N, C-alpha and C. Protein backbone atom coordinates (compact mmCIF):
# COMPACT_ATOMS: atom_id res chain seq x y z
N MET A 1 0.84 -1.16 0.00
CA MET A 1 0.00 0.00 0.00
C MET A 1 0.90 1.24 0.00
N ASP A 2 0.52 2.21 -0.81
CA ASP A 2 1.31 3.43 -0.94
C ASP A 2 0.49 4.61 -0.40
N ILE A 3 1.01 5.26 0.63
CA ILE A 3 0.30 6.39 1.25
C ILE A 3 1.17 7.63 1.11
N LYS A 4 0.53 8.72 0.71
CA LYS A 4 1.22 9.99 0.61
C LYS A 4 0.52 11.00 1.50
N VAL A 5 1.29 11.71 2.32
CA VAL A 5 0.76 12.80 3.12
C VAL A 5 1.28 14.08 2.47
N LEU A 6 0.35 14.90 1.98
CA LEU A 6 0.72 16.11 1.27
C LEU A 6 0.60 17.32 2.19
N GLY A 7 1.64 18.15 2.21
CA GLY A 7 1.61 19.37 3.00
C GLY A 7 2.97 20.00 3.10
N PRO A 8 3.01 21.31 3.33
CA PRO A 8 4.27 22.04 3.36
C PRO A 8 5.11 21.83 4.62
N GLY A 9 4.56 21.18 5.61
CA GLY A 9 5.31 20.95 6.84
C GLY A 9 4.74 21.69 8.04
N CYS A 10 3.50 22.14 7.92
CA CYS A 10 2.85 22.84 9.03
C CYS A 10 2.50 21.85 10.14
N ALA A 11 2.04 22.36 11.26
CA ALA A 11 1.72 21.52 12.41
C ALA A 11 0.63 20.49 12.07
N LYS A 12 -0.38 20.90 11.31
CA LYS A 12 -1.46 19.97 10.94
C LYS A 12 -0.94 18.86 10.03
N CYS A 13 -0.02 19.20 9.15
CA CYS A 13 0.56 18.20 8.24
C CYS A 13 1.38 17.18 9.03
N LYS A 14 2.16 17.67 9.97
CA LYS A 14 2.97 16.77 10.80
C LYS A 14 2.09 15.87 11.65
N LYS A 15 1.00 16.43 12.19
CA LYS A 15 0.09 15.62 12.99
C LYS A 15 -0.57 14.54 12.13
N THR A 16 -0.95 14.90 10.91
CA THR A 16 -1.56 13.93 10.00
C THR A 16 -0.60 12.79 9.71
N GLU A 17 0.66 13.11 9.42
CA GLU A 17 1.65 12.08 9.14
C GLU A 17 1.83 11.17 10.36
N LYS A 18 1.87 11.76 11.55
CA LYS A 18 2.04 10.99 12.78
C LYS A 18 0.85 10.04 12.99
N LEU A 19 -0.37 10.54 12.76
CA LEU A 19 -1.56 9.69 12.92
C LEU A 19 -1.55 8.53 11.93
N VAL A 20 -1.17 8.80 10.69
CA VAL A 20 -1.10 7.73 9.69
C VAL A 20 -0.11 6.66 10.13
N GLN A 21 1.06 7.08 10.60
CA GLN A 21 2.08 6.12 11.07
C GLN A 21 1.56 5.30 12.25
N GLU A 22 0.85 5.96 13.19
CA GLU A 22 0.31 5.26 14.35
C GLU A 22 -0.70 4.19 13.93
N VAL A 23 -1.58 4.54 13.01
CA VAL A 23 -2.61 3.59 12.56
C VAL A 23 -1.96 2.41 11.85
N ILE A 24 -0.96 2.66 11.04
CA ILE A 24 -0.26 1.57 10.34
C ILE A 24 0.31 0.58 11.36
N LYS A 25 0.93 1.11 12.42
CA LYS A 25 1.48 0.25 13.47
C LYS A 25 0.37 -0.52 14.18
N GLU A 26 -0.71 0.17 14.52
CA GLU A 26 -1.80 -0.44 15.29
C GLU A 26 -2.45 -1.60 14.53
N ILE A 27 -2.69 -1.41 13.25
CA ILE A 27 -3.42 -2.45 12.51
C ILE A 27 -2.49 -3.41 11.78
N GLY A 28 -1.20 -3.10 11.75
CA GLY A 28 -0.22 -4.01 11.18
C GLY A 28 -0.27 -4.16 9.68
N VAL A 29 -0.70 -3.13 8.99
CA VAL A 29 -0.78 -3.19 7.53
C VAL A 29 0.59 -2.88 6.92
N ASP A 30 0.86 -3.49 5.78
CA ASP A 30 2.12 -3.25 5.08
C ASP A 30 1.95 -2.03 4.18
N ALA A 31 2.60 -0.93 4.56
CA ALA A 31 2.42 0.31 3.81
C ALA A 31 3.69 1.15 3.87
N THR A 32 3.87 1.94 2.83
CA THR A 32 4.95 2.92 2.83
C THR A 32 4.31 4.29 2.86
N VAL A 33 4.89 5.18 3.66
CA VAL A 33 4.36 6.54 3.78
C VAL A 33 5.40 7.50 3.23
N GLU A 34 4.94 8.34 2.33
CA GLU A 34 5.81 9.35 1.74
C GLU A 34 5.26 10.72 2.08
N LYS A 35 6.11 11.60 2.58
CA LYS A 35 5.73 12.98 2.87
C LYS A 35 6.06 13.80 1.65
N VAL A 36 5.05 14.47 1.08
CA VAL A 36 5.23 15.30 -0.11
C VAL A 36 5.04 16.76 0.30
N SER A 37 6.11 17.55 0.17
CA SER A 37 6.02 18.96 0.58
C SER A 37 6.21 19.94 -0.57
N ASP A 38 6.58 19.45 -1.74
CA ASP A 38 6.76 20.31 -2.90
C ASP A 38 5.38 20.75 -3.42
N MET A 39 5.15 22.06 -3.47
CA MET A 39 3.83 22.57 -3.83
C MET A 39 3.41 22.20 -5.25
N MET A 40 4.35 22.14 -6.17
CA MET A 40 4.01 21.74 -7.54
C MET A 40 3.56 20.27 -7.58
N GLN A 41 4.25 19.44 -6.82
CA GLN A 41 3.88 18.03 -6.76
C GLN A 41 2.52 17.86 -6.07
N ILE A 42 2.28 18.64 -5.01
CA ILE A 42 0.99 18.59 -4.32
C ILE A 42 -0.13 18.98 -5.29
N ALA A 43 0.08 20.05 -6.05
CA ALA A 43 -0.92 20.52 -7.01
C ALA A 43 -1.19 19.47 -8.09
N SER A 44 -0.18 18.66 -8.41
CA SER A 44 -0.36 17.64 -9.45
C SER A 44 -1.39 16.58 -9.05
N TYR A 45 -1.67 16.48 -7.76
CA TYR A 45 -2.68 15.53 -7.29
C TYR A 45 -4.08 16.12 -7.33
N GLY A 46 -4.17 17.40 -7.71
CA GLY A 46 -5.47 18.04 -7.81
C GLY A 46 -6.05 18.49 -6.49
N VAL A 47 -5.23 18.60 -5.47
CA VAL A 47 -5.70 19.08 -4.17
C VAL A 47 -5.19 20.49 -3.95
N PHE A 48 -6.02 21.29 -3.31
CA PHE A 48 -5.64 22.68 -3.08
C PHE A 48 -5.65 23.03 -1.61
N GLY A 49 -5.95 22.06 -0.76
CA GLY A 49 -5.89 22.26 0.68
C GLY A 49 -4.98 21.21 1.28
N THR A 50 -4.28 21.60 2.32
CA THR A 50 -3.43 20.65 3.02
C THR A 50 -3.78 20.70 4.50
N PRO A 51 -3.53 19.64 5.22
CA PRO A 51 -2.94 18.38 4.77
C PRO A 51 -3.92 17.57 3.94
N SER A 52 -3.36 16.74 3.08
CA SER A 52 -4.14 15.81 2.28
C SER A 52 -3.52 14.42 2.41
N VAL A 53 -4.36 13.41 2.30
CA VAL A 53 -3.89 12.03 2.37
C VAL A 53 -4.33 11.31 1.09
N ILE A 54 -3.35 10.64 0.46
CA ILE A 54 -3.60 9.86 -0.76
C ILE A 54 -3.26 8.40 -0.43
N VAL A 55 -4.20 7.50 -0.69
CA VAL A 55 -3.97 6.07 -0.46
C VAL A 55 -4.10 5.37 -1.81
N ASP A 56 -3.00 4.76 -2.24
CA ASP A 56 -2.95 4.05 -3.52
C ASP A 56 -3.53 4.90 -4.67
N GLY A 57 -3.12 6.16 -4.70
CA GLY A 57 -3.51 7.05 -5.78
C GLY A 57 -4.88 7.71 -5.65
N LYS A 58 -5.61 7.41 -4.58
CA LYS A 58 -6.94 7.99 -4.39
C LYS A 58 -6.91 9.00 -3.24
N VAL A 59 -7.43 10.20 -3.50
CA VAL A 59 -7.50 11.24 -2.47
C VAL A 59 -8.53 10.82 -1.43
N LYS A 60 -8.11 10.73 -0.18
CA LYS A 60 -9.00 10.31 0.90
C LYS A 60 -9.41 11.47 1.80
N CYS A 61 -8.56 12.49 1.88
CA CYS A 61 -8.82 13.59 2.79
C CYS A 61 -8.07 14.82 2.28
N THR A 62 -8.68 15.98 2.40
CA THR A 62 -7.97 17.20 2.03
C THR A 62 -8.43 18.37 2.90
N GLY A 63 -7.46 19.16 3.33
CA GLY A 63 -7.75 20.38 4.07
C GLY A 63 -8.03 20.24 5.54
N LYS A 64 -7.83 19.04 6.10
CA LYS A 64 -8.06 18.86 7.54
C LYS A 64 -7.25 17.68 8.05
N VAL A 65 -7.11 17.62 9.37
CA VAL A 65 -6.46 16.48 10.01
C VAL A 65 -7.52 15.39 10.16
N PRO A 66 -7.29 14.22 9.57
CA PRO A 66 -8.30 13.16 9.66
C PRO A 66 -8.33 12.51 11.04
N LYS A 67 -9.45 11.91 11.37
CA LYS A 67 -9.57 11.15 12.62
C LYS A 67 -8.94 9.78 12.42
N LYS A 68 -8.45 9.20 13.52
CA LYS A 68 -7.81 7.88 13.45
C LYS A 68 -8.76 6.83 12.89
N ASP A 69 -10.03 6.89 13.28
CA ASP A 69 -11.00 5.91 12.78
C ASP A 69 -11.15 6.01 11.27
N ASP A 70 -11.12 7.24 10.74
CA ASP A 70 -11.21 7.41 9.29
C ASP A 70 -10.00 6.78 8.60
N ILE A 71 -8.82 7.02 9.15
CA ILE A 71 -7.59 6.45 8.57
C ILE A 71 -7.67 4.92 8.57
N LYS A 72 -8.11 4.35 9.69
CA LYS A 72 -8.26 2.88 9.78
C LYS A 72 -9.18 2.37 8.68
N ASN A 73 -10.32 3.05 8.49
CA ASN A 73 -11.26 2.63 7.45
C ASN A 73 -10.61 2.69 6.07
N TRP A 74 -9.86 3.74 5.77
CA TRP A 74 -9.21 3.87 4.47
C TRP A 74 -8.25 2.71 4.23
N LEU A 75 -7.49 2.36 5.26
CA LEU A 75 -6.46 1.35 5.09
C LEU A 75 -7.01 -0.08 5.10
N LEU A 76 -8.08 -0.31 5.84
CA LEU A 76 -8.65 -1.65 5.91
C LEU A 76 -9.64 -1.92 4.79
N ASN A 77 -10.26 -0.87 4.26
CA ASN A 77 -11.31 -1.04 3.25
C ASN A 77 -10.97 -0.36 1.94
N LYS A 78 -9.69 -0.41 1.59
CA LYS A 78 -9.29 0.26 0.36
C LYS A 78 -9.85 -0.47 -0.81
């Protein structure tokens, strides 16, 4: 599973990345997490708000810090 956390490095982006890492550990899923901070690369995903989370190429969240339960659902029910 390929997960991308998009954001320039603000506090909300860092919190989102931390939550994603925690959920991966908790549920034991095999995933790689990439932090994307380049604004041109972020724009290429078609998102204009950060933080954003992309799971296997699909935008799951944009413009807010997701809840842990939401992240679990994305990863278990992709």
